[in-house]
Amino acid sequence: MTTSEVITAVIAALLGGGGLATIQALFSGVGSLRRGARAHERESVRDLARARDRADDRAARAESDRDYWRQVAGGYAYQLRLTGAEPIPPAPVPPSERDRIERV
């Protein structure tokens, strides 16, 4: 038996015994797994993007509220100074400056 006859016999045995269906099922299974993984990854990326957008919105709202209350406090401090009230402490030092002074 020559090599080509052996190859022909092996292919005939595989294809005749349901080998083609097995190979086709194997490839379709691998393909569906890959499509499922890709779909899951796309869904995960969308979920992460939505979470990031919600976090950005919360941060923007918090920053807006902070700025509003800072302006309100500044207005009250101005009104108190107009009436002659002295702030306590008279010369406040911000935390960044306090850290720098302590390190020196």
PDB file of N, CA and C in Angstrom:
ATOM      1  N   MET A   1       0.835  -1.157   0.000  1.00  0.00           N
ATOM      2  CA  MET A   1       0.000   0.000   0.000  1.00  0.00           C
ATOM      3  C   MET A   1       0.895   1.239   0.000  1.00  0.00           C
ATOM      4  N   THR A   2       0.589   2.157  -0.865  1.00  0.00           N
ATOM      5  CA  THR A   2       1.382   3.380  -0.941  1.00  0.00           C
ATOM      6  C   THR A   2       0.832   4.420   0.031  1.00  0.00           C
ATOM      7  N   THR A   3       1.587   5.482   0.182  1.00  0.00           N
ATOM      8  CA  THR A   3       1.205   6.542   1.126  1.00  0.00           C
ATOM      9  C   THR A   3      -0.112   7.184   0.719  1.00  0.00           C
ATOM     10  N   SER A   4      -0.305   7.421  -0.546  1.00  0.00           N
ATOM     11  CA  SER A   4      -1.536   8.062  -0.998  1.00  0.00           C
ATOM     12  C   SER A   4      -2.735   7.154  -0.749  1.00  0.00           C
ATOM     13  N   GLU A   5      -2.544   5.849  -0.879  1.00  0.00           N
ATOM     14  CA  GLU A   5      -3.652   4.932  -0.607  1.00  0.00           C
ATOM     15  C   GLU A   5      -3.986   4.917   0.887  1.00  0.00           C
ATOM     16  N   VAL A   6      -2.966   5.014   1.742  1.00  0.00           N
ATOM     17  CA  VAL A   6      -3.189   5.034   3.187  1.00  0.00           C
ATOM     18  C   VAL A   6      -3.950   6.303   3.576  1.00  0.00           C
ATOM     19  N   ILE A   7      -3.520   7.432   3.025  1.00  0.00           N
ATOM     20  CA  ILE A   7      -4.189   8.703   3.327  1.00  0.00           C
ATOM     21  C   ILE A   7      -5.633   8.648   2.855  1.00  0.00           C
ATOM     22  N   THR A   8      -5.856   8.099   1.686  1.00  0.00           N
ATOM     23  CA  THR A   8      -7.207   7.989   1.151  1.00  0.00           C
ATOM     24  C   THR A   8      -8.056   7.093   2.043  1.00  0.00           C
ATOM     25  N   ALA A   9      -7.486   5.999   2.521  1.00  0.00           N
ATOM     26  CA  ALA A   9      -8.224   5.083   3.385  1.00  0.00           C
ATOM     27  C   ALA A   9      -8.550   5.747   4.727  1.00  0.00           C
ATOM     28  N   VAL A  10      -7.609   6.483   5.291  1.00  0.00           N
ATOM     29  CA  VAL A  10      -7.858   7.162   6.564  1.00  0.00           C
ATOM     30  C   VAL A  10      -8.949   8.218   6.413  1.00  0.00           C
ATOM     31  N   ILE A  11      -8.875   9.013   5.355  1.00  0.00           N
ATOM     32  CA  ILE A  11      -9.888  10.047   5.111  1.00  0.00           C
ATOM     33  C   ILE A  11     -11.248   9.411   4.896  1.00  0.00           C
ATOM     34  N   ALA A  12     -11.297   8.322   4.141  1.00  0.00           N
ATOM     35  CA  ALA A  12     -12.564   7.633   3.897  1.00  0.00           C
ATOM     36  C   ALA A  12     -13.131   7.074   5.193  1.00  0.00           C
ATOM     37  N   ALA A  13     -12.273   6.554   6.055  1.00  0.00           N
ATOM     38  CA  ALA A  13     -12.750   6.003   7.324  1.00  0.00           C
ATOM     39  C   ALA A  13     -13.277   7.113   8.230  1.00  0.00           C
ATOM     40  N   LEU A  14     -12.563   8.225   8.273  1.00  0.00           N
ATOM     41  CA  LEU A  14     -13.019   9.340   9.106  1.00  0.00           C
ATOM     42  C   LEU A  14     -14.335   9.916   8.602  1.00  0.00           C
ATOM     43  N   LEU A  15     -14.398  10.159   7.321  1.00  0.00           N
ATOM     44  CA  LEU A  15     -15.597  10.764   6.758  1.00  0.00           C
ATOM     45  C   LEU A  15     -16.756   9.772   6.748  1.00  0.00           C
ATOM     46  N   GLY A  16     -16.486   8.554   6.536  1.00  0.00           N
ATOM     47  CA  GLY A  16     -17.545   7.550   6.498  1.00  0.00           C
ATOM     48  C   GLY A  16     -18.078   7.245   7.879  1.00  0.00           C
ATOM     49  N   GLY A  17     -17.277   7.374   8.908  1.00  0.00           N
ATOM     50  CA  GLY A  17     -17.701   7.039  10.264  1.00  0.00           C
ATOM     51  C   GLY A  17     -18.214   8.233  11.041  1.00  0.00           C
ATOM     52  N   GLY A  18     -18.637   9.287  10.406  1.00  0.00           N
ATOM     53  CA  GLY A  18     -19.158  10.461  11.103  1.00  0.00           C
ATOM     54  C   GLY A  18     -18.071  11.446  11.471  1.00  0.00           C
ATOM     55  N   GLY A  19     -16.901  11.274  10.909  1.00  0.00           N
ATOM     56  CA  GLY A  19     -15.790  12.181  11.198  1.00  0.00           C
ATOM     57  C   GLY A  19     -16.073  13.601  10.748  1.00  0.00           C
ATOM     58  N   LEU A  20     -16.762  13.721   9.608  1.00  0.00           N
ATOM     59  CA  LEU A  20     -17.082  15.051   9.096  1.00  0.00           C
ATOM     60  C   LEU A  20     -18.012  15.777  10.068  1.00  0.00           C
ATOM     61  N   ALA A  21     -19.002  15.076  10.579  1.00  0.00           N
ATOM     62  CA  ALA A  21     -19.924  15.696  11.533  1.00  0.00           C
ATOM     63  C   ALA A  21     -19.183  16.091  12.814  1.00  0.00           C
ATOM     64  N   THR A  22     -18.247  15.246  13.231  1.00  0.00           N
ATOM     65  CA  THR A  22     -17.469  15.550  14.428  1.00  0.00           C
ATOM     66  C   THR A  22     -16.614  16.790  14.226  1.00  0.00           C
ATOM     67  N   ILE A  23     -15.947  16.855  13.089  1.00  0.00           N
ATOM     68  CA  ILE A  23     -15.099  18.012  12.779  1.00  0.00           C
ATOM     69  C   ILE A  23     -15.946  19.277  12.684  1.00  0.00           C
ATOM     70  N   GLN A  24     -17.102  19.160  12.012  1.00  0.00           N
ATOM     71  CA  GLN A  24     -17.987  20.313  11.878  1.00  0.00           C
ATOM     72  C   GLN A  24     -18.497  20.762  13.257  1.00  0.00           C
ATOM     73  N   ALA A  25     -18.872  19.833  14.103  1.00  0.00           N
ATOM     74  CA  ALA A  25     -19.348  20.180  15.440  1.00  0.00           C
ATOM     75  C   ALA A  25     -18.235  20.828  16.261  1.00  0.00           C
ATOM     76  N   LEU A  26     -17.028  20.323  16.117  1.00  0.00           N
ATOM     77  CA  LEU A  26     -15.894  20.888  16.831  1.00  0.00           C
ATOM     78  C   LEU A  26     -15.660  22.337  16.425  1.00  0.00           C
ATOM     79  N   PHE A  27     -15.641  22.596  15.119  1.00  0.00           N
ATOM     80  CA  PHE A  27     -15.418  23.967  14.647  1.00  0.00           C
ATOM     81  C   PHE A  27     -16.568  24.896  15.028  1.00  0.00           C
ATOM     82  N   SER A  28     -17.798  24.414  14.940  1.00  0.00           N
ATOM     83  CA  SER A  28     -18.923  25.286  15.313  1.00  0.00           C
ATOM     84  C   SER A  28     -18.908  25.550  16.817  1.00  0.00           C
ATOM     85  N   GLY A  29     -18.510  24.561  17.619  1.00  0.00           N
ATOM     86  CA  GLY A  29     -18.410  24.757  19.065  1.00  0.00           C
ATOM     87  C   GLY A  29     -17.357  25.784  19.423  1.00  0.00           C
ATOM     88  N   VAL A  30     -16.201  25.688  18.784  1.00  0.00           N
ATOM     89  CA  VAL A  30     -15.134  26.665  19.040  1.00  0.00           C
ATOM     90  C   VAL A  30     -15.587  28.054  18.613  1.00  0.00           C
ATOM     91  N   GLY A  31     -16.249  28.137  17.458  1.00  0.00           N
ATOM     92  CA  GLY A  31     -16.735  29.437  16.979  1.00  0.00           C
ATOM     93  C   GLY A  31     -17.752  30.051  17.915  1.00  0.00           C
ATOM     94  N   SER A  32     -18.685  29.239  18.419  1.00  0.00           N
ATOM     95  CA  SER A  32     -19.699  29.791  19.324  1.00  0.00           C
ATOM     96  C   SER A  32     -19.087  30.207  20.655  1.00  0.00           C
ATOM     97  N   LEU A  33     -18.087  29.464  21.119  1.00  0.00           N
ATOM     98  CA  LEU A  33     -17.392  29.874  22.337  1.00  0.00           C
ATOM     99  C   LEU A  33     -16.717  31.224  22.164  1.00  0.00           C
ATOM    100  N   ARG A  34     -16.092  31.398  21.020  1.00  0.00           N
ATOM    101  CA  ARG A  34     -15.403  32.668  20.776  1.00  0.00           C
ATOM    102  C   ARG A  34     -16.398  33.808  20.652  1.00  0.00           C
ATOM    103  N   ARG A  35     -17.509  33.561  19.968  1.00  0.00           N
ATOM    104  CA  ARG A  35     -18.524  34.620  19.848  1.00  0.00           C
ATOM    105  C   ARG A  35     -19.109  34.943  21.215  1.00  0.00           C
ATOM    106  N   GLY A  36     -19.331  33.942  22.027  1.00  0.00           N
ATOM    107  CA  GLY A  36     -19.864  34.170  23.366  1.00  0.00           C
ATOM    108  C   GLY A  36     -18.893  34.952  24.225  1.00  0.00           C
ATOM    109  N   ALA A  37     -17.619  34.628  24.133  1.00  0.00           N
ATOM    110  CA  ALA A  37     -16.605  35.354  24.908  1.00  0.00           C
ATOM    111  C   ALA A  37     -16.516  36.799  24.443  1.00  0.00           C
ATOM    112  N   ARG A  38     -16.585  36.991  23.139  1.00  0.00           N
ATOM    113  CA  ARG A  38     -16.526  38.367  22.627  1.00  0.00           C
ATOM    114  C   ARG A  38     -17.740  39.165  23.083  1.00  0.00           C
ATOM    115  N   ALA A  39     -18.900  38.537  23.037  1.00  0.00           N
ATOM    116  CA  ALA A  39     -20.108  39.236  23.474  1.00  0.00           C
ATOM    117  C   ALA A  39     -20.002  39.592  24.953  1.00  0.00           C
ATOM    118  N   HIS A  40     -19.491  38.683  25.750  1.00  0.00           N
ATOM    119  CA  HIS A  40     -19.329  38.946  27.182  1.00  0.00           C
ATOM    120  C   HIS A  40     -18.335  40.085  27.410  1.00  0.00           C
ATOM    121  N   GLU A  41     -17.246  40.086  26.651  1.00  0.00           N
ATOM    122  CA  GLU A  41     -16.262  41.166  26.779  1.00  0.00           C
ATOM    123  C   GLU A  41     -16.858  42.505  26.382  1.00  0.00           C
ATOM    124  N   ARG A  42     -17.627  42.529  25.289  1.00  0.00           N
ATOM    125  CA  ARG A  42     -18.263  43.781  24.861  1.00  0.00           C
ATOM    126  C   ARG A  42     -19.233  44.275  25.925  1.00  0.00           C
ATOM    127  N   GLU A  43     -19.984  43.343  26.511  1.00  0.00           N
ATOM    128  CA  GLU A  43     -20.927  43.713  27.563  1.00  0.00           C
ATOM    129  C   GLU A  43     -20.183  44.253  28.787  1.00  0.00           C
ATOM    130  N   SER A  44     -19.081  43.627  29.128  1.00  0.00           N
ATOM    131  CA  SER A  44     -18.289  44.087  30.273  1.00  0.00           C
ATOM    132  C   SER A  44     -17.729  45.479  30.022  1.00  0.00           C
ATOM    133  N   VAL A  45     -17.253  45.729  28.814  1.00  0.00           N
ATOM    134  CA  VAL A  45     -16.708  47.047  28.477  1.00  0.00           C
ATOM    135  C   VAL A  45     -17.811  48.094  28.555  1.00  0.00           C
ATOM    136  N   ARG A  46     -19.012  47.756  28.066  1.00  0.00           N
ATOM    137  CA  ARG A  46     -20.133  48.697  28.158  1.00  0.00           C
ATOM    138  C   ARG A  46     -20.498  48.974  29.617  1.00  0.00           C
ATOM    139  N   ASP A  47     -20.505  47.928  30.440  1.00  0.00           N
ATOM    140  CA  ASP A  47     -20.801  48.110  31.861  1.00  0.00           C
ATOM    141  C   ASP A  47     -19.770  49.025  32.517  1.00  0.00           C
ATOM    142  N   LEU A  48     -18.508  48.806  32.200  1.00  0.00           N
ATOM    143  CA  LEU A  48     -17.445  49.651  32.768  1.00  0.00           C
ATOM    144  C   LEU A  48     -17.595  51.100  32.312  1.00  0.00           C
ATOM    145  N   ALA A  49     -17.950  51.296  31.047  1.00  0.00           N
ATOM    146  CA  ALA A  49     -18.123  52.656  30.531  1.00  0.00           C
ATOM    147  C   ALA A  49     -19.293  53.343  31.228  1.00  0.00           C
ATOM    148  N   ARG A  50     -20.401  52.606  31.437  1.00  0.00           N
ATOM    149  CA  ARG A  50     -21.546  53.190  32.152  1.00  0.00           C
ATOM    150  C   ARG A  50     -21.165  53.543  33.588  1.00  0.00           C
ATOM    151  N   ALA A  51     -20.436  52.659  34.251  1.00  0.00           N
ATOM    152  CA  ALA A  51     -20.019  52.929  35.629  1.00  0.00           C
ATOM    153  C   ALA A  51     -19.100  54.143  35.685  1.00  0.00           C
ATOM    154  N   ARG A  52     -18.192  54.255  34.703  1.00  0.00           N
ATOM    155  CA  ARG A  52     -17.291  55.414  34.661  1.00  0.00           C
ATOM    156  C   ARG A  52     -18.089  56.702  34.452  1.00  0.00           C
ATOM    157  N   ASP A  53     -19.079  56.654  33.555  1.00  0.00           N
ATOM    158  CA  ASP A  53     -19.885  57.849  33.299  1.00  0.00           C
ATOM    159  C   ASP A  53     -20.681  58.255  34.538  1.00  0.00           C
ATOM    160  N   ARG A  54     -21.244  57.263  35.246  1.00  0.00           N
ATOM    161  CA  ARG A  54     -21.981  57.580  36.475  1.00  0.00           C
ATOM    162  C   ARG A  54     -21.046  58.170  37.529  1.00  0.00           C
ATOM    163  N   ALA A  55     -19.841  57.622  37.652  1.00  0.00           N
ATOM    164  CA  ALA A  55     -18.871  58.154  38.620  1.00  0.00           C
ATOM    165  C   ALA A  55     -18.470  59.582  38.249  1.00  0.00           C
ATOM    166  N   ASP A  56     -18.287  59.841  36.960  1.00  0.00           N
ATOM    167  CA  ASP A  56     -17.954  61.200  36.518  1.00  0.00           C
ATOM    168  C   ASP A  56     -19.088  62.170  36.843  1.00  0.00           C
ATOM    169  N   ASP A  57     -20.335  61.716  36.631  1.00  0.00           N
ATOM    170  CA  ASP A  57     -21.484  62.574  36.950  1.00  0.00           C
ATOM    171  C   ASP A  57     -21.549  62.870  38.444  1.00  0.00           C
ATOM    172  N   ARG A  58     -21.333  61.834  39.274  1.00  0.00           N
ATOM    173  CA  ARG A  58     -21.345  62.049  40.725  1.00  0.00           C
ATOM    174  C   ARG A  58     -20.232  63.007  41.140  1.00  0.00           C
ATOM    175  N   ALA A  59     -19.054  62.860  40.553  1.00  0.00           N
ATOM    176  CA  ALA A  59     -17.936  63.745  40.889  1.00  0.00           C
ATOM    177  C   ALA A  59     -18.243  65.184  40.475  1.00  0.00           C
ATOM    178  N   ALA A  60     -18.861  65.361  39.311  1.00  0.00           N
ATOM    179  CA  ALA A  60     -19.194  66.711  38.850  1.00  0.00           C
ATOM    180  C   ALA A  60     -20.231  67.349  39.763  1.00  0.00           C
ATOM    181  N   ARG A  61     -21.240  66.559  40.181  1.00  0.00           N
ATOM    182  CA  ARG A  61     -22.249  67.101  41.103  1.00  0.00           C
ATOM    183  C   ARG A  61     -21.619  67.464  42.448  1.00  0.00           C
ATOM    184  N   ALA A  62     -20.736  66.603  42.945  1.00  0.00           N
ATOM    185  CA  ALA A  62     -20.079  66.887  44.230  1.00  0.00           C
ATOM    186  C   ALA A  62     -19.211  68.130  44.130  1.00  0.00           C
ATOM    187  N   GLU A  63     -18.522  68.289  43.019  1.00  0.00           N
ATOM    188  CA  GLU A  63     -17.680  69.475  42.825  1.00  0.00           C
ATOM    189  C   GLU A  63     -18.536  70.733  42.740  1.00  0.00           C
ATOM    190  N   SER A  64     -19.673  70.622  42.059  1.00  0.00           N
ATOM    191  CA  SER A  64     -20.580  71.765  41.951  1.00  0.00           C
ATOM    192  C   SER A  64     -21.130  72.151  43.321  1.00  0.00           C
ATOM    193  N   ASP A  65     -21.533  71.153  44.114  1.00  0.00           N
ATOM    194  CA  ASP A  65     -22.027  71.433  45.461  1.00  0.00           C
ATOM    195  C   ASP A  65     -20.933  72.054  46.324  1.00  0.00           C
ATOM    196  N   ARG A  66     -19.726  71.508  46.216  1.00  0.00           N
ATOM    197  CA  ARG A  66     -18.612  72.044  46.999  1.00  0.00           C
ATOM    198  C   ARG A  66     -18.375  73.506  46.657  1.00  0.00           C
ATOM    199  N   ASP A  67     -18.353  73.825  45.366  1.00  0.00           N
ATOM    200  CA  ASP A  67     -18.128  75.210  44.953  1.00  0.00           C
ATOM    201  C   ASP A  67     -19.249  76.124  45.443  1.00  0.00           C
ATOM    202  N   TYR A  68     -20.488  75.623  45.401  1.00  0.00           N
ATOM    203  CA  TYR A  68     -21.618  76.425  45.858  1.00  0.00           C
ATOM    204  C   TYR A  68     -21.465  76.765  47.338  1.00  0.00           C
ATOM    205  N   TRP A  69     -21.200  75.745  48.157  1.00  0.00           N
ATOM    206  CA  TRP A  69     -21.089  75.990  49.592  1.00  0.00           C
ATOM    207  C   TRP A  69     -19.862  76.817  49.933  1.00  0.00           C
ATOM    208  N   ARG A  70     -18.823  76.693  49.125  1.00  0.00           N
ATOM    209  CA  ARG A  70     -17.645  77.538  49.335  1.00  0.00           C
ATOM    210  C   ARG A  70     -18.003  79.004  49.088  1.00  0.00           C
ATOM    211  N   GLN A  71     -18.793  79.253  48.044  1.00  0.00           N
ATOM    212  CA  GLN A  71     -19.216  80.623  47.760  1.00  0.00           C
ATOM    213  C   GLN A  71     -20.145  81.154  48.850  1.00  0.00           C
ATOM    214  N   VAL A  72     -21.032  80.283  49.342  1.00  0.00           N
ATOM    215  CA  VAL A  72     -21.933  80.702  50.415  1.00  0.00           C
ATOM    216  C   VAL A  72     -21.122  81.070  51.654  1.00  0.00           C
ATOM    217  N   ALA A  73     -20.165  80.239  52.028  1.00  0.00           N
ATOM    218  CA  ALA A  73     -19.336  80.515  53.195  1.00  0.00           C
ATOM    219  C   ALA A  73     -18.542  81.805  53.003  1.00  0.00           C
ATOM    220  N   GLY A  74     -18.048  82.015  51.797  1.00  0.00           N
ATOM    221  CA  GLY A  74     -17.321  83.264  51.519  1.00  0.00           C
ATOM    222  C   GLY A  74     -18.221  84.478  51.667  1.00  0.00           C
ATOM    223  N   GLY A  75     -19.446  84.341  51.193  1.00  0.00           N
ATOM    224  CA  GLY A  75     -20.398  85.460  51.334  1.00  0.00           C
ATOM    225  C   GLY A  75     -20.715  85.748  52.788  1.00  0.00           C
ATOM    226  N   TYR A  76     -20.918  84.690  53.572  1.00  0.00           N
ATOM    227  CA  TYR A  76     -21.180  84.886  55.002  1.00  0.00           C
ATOM    228  C   TYR A  76     -19.969  85.522  55.693  1.00  0.00           C
ATOM    229  N   ALA A  77     -18.777  85.069  55.368  1.00  0.00           N
ATOM    230  CA  ALA A  77     -17.573  85.649  55.972  1.00  0.00           C
ATOM    231  C   ALA A  77     -17.471  87.127  55.621  1.00  0.00           C
ATOM    232  N   TYR A  78     -17.789  87.472  54.392  1.00  0.00           N
ATOM    233  CA  TYR A  78     -17.747  88.883  53.981  1.00  0.00           C
ATOM    234  C   TYR A  78     -18.762  89.708  54.783  1.00  0.00           C
ATOM    235  N   GLN A  79     -19.976  89.160  54.920  1.00  0.00           N
ATOM    236  CA  GLN A  79     -21.013  89.873  55.676  1.00  0.00           C
ATOM    237  C   GLN A  79     -20.596  90.051  57.151  1.00  0.00           C
ATOM    238  N   LEU A  80     -19.985  89.030  57.728  1.00  0.00           N
ATOM    239  CA  LEU A  80     -19.542  89.131  59.119  1.00  0.00           C
ATOM    240  C   LEU A  80     -18.442  90.184  59.282  1.00  0.00           C
ATOM    241  N   ARG A  81     -17.539  90.224  58.321  1.00  0.00           N
ATOM    242  CA  ARG A  81     -16.467  91.235  58.404  1.00  0.00           C
ATOM    243  C   ARG A  81     -17.016  92.648  58.252  1.00  0.00           C
ATOM    244  N   LEU A  82     -18.059  92.775  57.414  1.00  0.00           N
ATOM    245  CA  LEU A  82     -18.667  94.103  57.259  1.00  0.00           C
ATOM    246  C   LEU A  82     -19.265  94.595  58.569  1.00  0.00           C
ATOM    247  N   THR A  83     -19.769  93.670  59.368  1.00  0.00           N
ATOM    248  CA  THR A  83     -20.376  94.071  60.650  1.00  0.00           C
ATOM    249  C   THR A  83     -19.347  94.178  61.766  1.00  0.00           C
ATOM    250  N   GLY A  84     -18.063  93.903  61.454  1.00  0.00           N
ATOM    251  CA  GLY A  84     -17.002  94.086  62.434  1.00  0.00           C
ATOM    252  C   GLY A  84     -16.570  92.813  63.133  1.00  0.00           C
ATOM    253  N   ALA A  85     -17.062  91.680  62.740  1.00  0.00           N
ATOM    254  CA  ALA A  85     -16.659  90.430  63.387  1.00  0.00           C
ATOM    255  C   ALA A  85     -15.252  90.047  62.933  1.00  0.00           C
ATOM    256  N   GLU A  86     -14.451  89.513  63.867  1.00  0.00           N
ATOM    257  CA  GLU A  86     -13.095  89.052  63.555  1.00  0.00           C
ATOM    258  C   GLU A  86     -13.124  87.538  63.356  1.00  0.00           C
ATOM    259  N   PRO A  87     -12.538  87.063  62.281  1.00  0.00           N
ATOM    260  CA  PRO A  87     -12.521  85.608  62.080  1.00  0.00           C
ATOM    261  C   PRO A  87     -11.571  84.931  63.063  1.00  0.00           C
ATOM    262  N   ILE A  88     -11.904  83.702  63.442  1.00  0.00           N
ATOM    263  CA  ILE A  88     -11.043  82.925  64.333  1.00  0.00           C
ATOM    264  C   ILE A  88     -10.635  81.672  63.563  1.00  0.00           C
ATOM    265  N   PRO A  89      -9.402  81.459  63.283  1.00  0.00           N
ATOM    266  CA  PRO A  89      -8.237  82.302  63.527  1.00  0.00           C
ATOM    267  C   PRO A  89      -8.188  83.453  62.533  1.00  0.00           C
ATOM    268  N   PRO A  90      -7.537  84.543  62.900  1.00  0.00           N
ATOM    269  CA  PRO A  90      -7.527  85.721  62.033  1.00  0.00           C
ATOM    270  C   PRO A  90      -6.771  85.502  60.713  1.00  0.00           C
ATOM    271  N   ALA A  91      -5.762  84.657  60.714  1.00  0.00           N
ATOM    272  CA  ALA A  91      -5.001  84.379  59.485  1.00  0.00           C
ATOM    273  C   ALA A  91      -4.917  82.860  59.299  1.00  0.00           C
ATOM    274  N   PRO A  92      -5.955  82.242  58.762  1.00  0.00           N
ATOM    275  CA  PRO A  92      -5.931  80.783  58.622  1.00  0.00           C
ATOM    276  C   PRO A  92      -4.848  80.322  57.652  1.00  0.00           C
ATOM    277  N   VAL A  93      -4.290  79.148  57.933  1.00  0.00           N
ATOM    278  CA  VAL A  93      -3.242  78.561  57.085  1.00  0.00           C
ATOM    279  C   VAL A  93      -3.812  77.280  56.469  1.00  0.00           C
ATOM    280  N   PRO A  94      -3.806  77.191  55.136  1.00  0.00           N
ATOM    281  CA  PRO A  94      -4.347  75.990  54.502  1.00  0.00           C
ATOM    282  C   PRO A  94      -3.482  74.762  54.803  1.00  0.00           C
ATOM    283  N   PRO A  95      -4.055  73.553  54.721  1.00  0.00           N
ATOM    284  CA  PRO A  95      -3.301  72.335  55.030  1.00  0.00           C
ATOM    285  C   PRO A  95      -2.030  72.178  54.202  1.00  0.00           C
ATOM    286  N   SER A  96      -2.073  72.581  52.952  1.00  0.00           N
ATOM    287  CA  SER A  96      -0.870  72.427  52.117  1.00  0.00           C
ATOM    288  C   SER A  96       0.270  73.293  52.639  1.00  0.00           C
ATOM    289  N   GLU A  97      -0.063  74.462  53.138  1.00  0.00           N
ATOM    290  CA  GLU A  97       0.958  75.345  53.709  1.00  0.00           C
ATOM    291  C   GLU A  97       1.439  74.824  55.058  1.00  0.00           C
ATOM    292  N   ARG A  98       0.523  74.251  55.853  1.00  0.00           N
ATOM    293  CA  ARG A  98       0.906  73.701  57.151  1.00  0.00           C
ATOM    294  C   ARG A  98       1.911  72.572  56.971  1.00  0.00           C
ATOM    295  N   ASP A  99       1.652  71.700  56.002  1.00  0.00           N
ATOM    296  CA  ASP A  99       2.586  70.592  55.733  1.00  0.00           C
ATOM    297  C   ASP A  99       3.954  71.120  55.355  1.00  0.00           C
ATOM    298  N   ARG A 100       3.987  72.164  54.554  1.00  0.00           N
ATOM    299  CA  ARG A 100       5.264  72.731  54.090  1.00  0.00           C
ATOM    300  C   ARG A 100       6.005  73.368  55.250  1.00  0.00           C
ATOM    301  N   ILE A 101       5.298  74.062  56.148  1.00  0.00           N
ATOM    302  CA  ILE A 101       5.924  74.735  57.281  1.00  0.00           C
ATOM    303  C   ILE A 101       6.501  73.691  58.237  1.00  0.00           C
ATOM    304  N   GLU A 102       5.753  72.594  58.484  1.00  0.00           N
ATOM    305  CA  GLU A 102       6.215  71.552  59.406  1.00  0.00           C
ATOM    306  C   GLU A 102       7.436  70.824  58.879  1.00  0.00           C
ATOM    307  N   ARG A 103       7.559  70.664  57.578  1.00  0.00           N
ATOM    308  CA  ARG A 103       8.710  69.954  56.986  1.00  0.00           C
ATOM    309  C   ARG A 103       9.985  70.776  57.073  1.00  0.00           C
ATOM    310  N   VAL A 104       9.864  72.095  57.095  1.00  0.00           N
ATOM    311  CA  VAL A 104      11.051  72.976  57.098  1.00  0.00           C
ATOM    312  C   VAL A 104      11.694  73.020  58.420  1.00  0.00           C
TER     313      VAL A 104
END
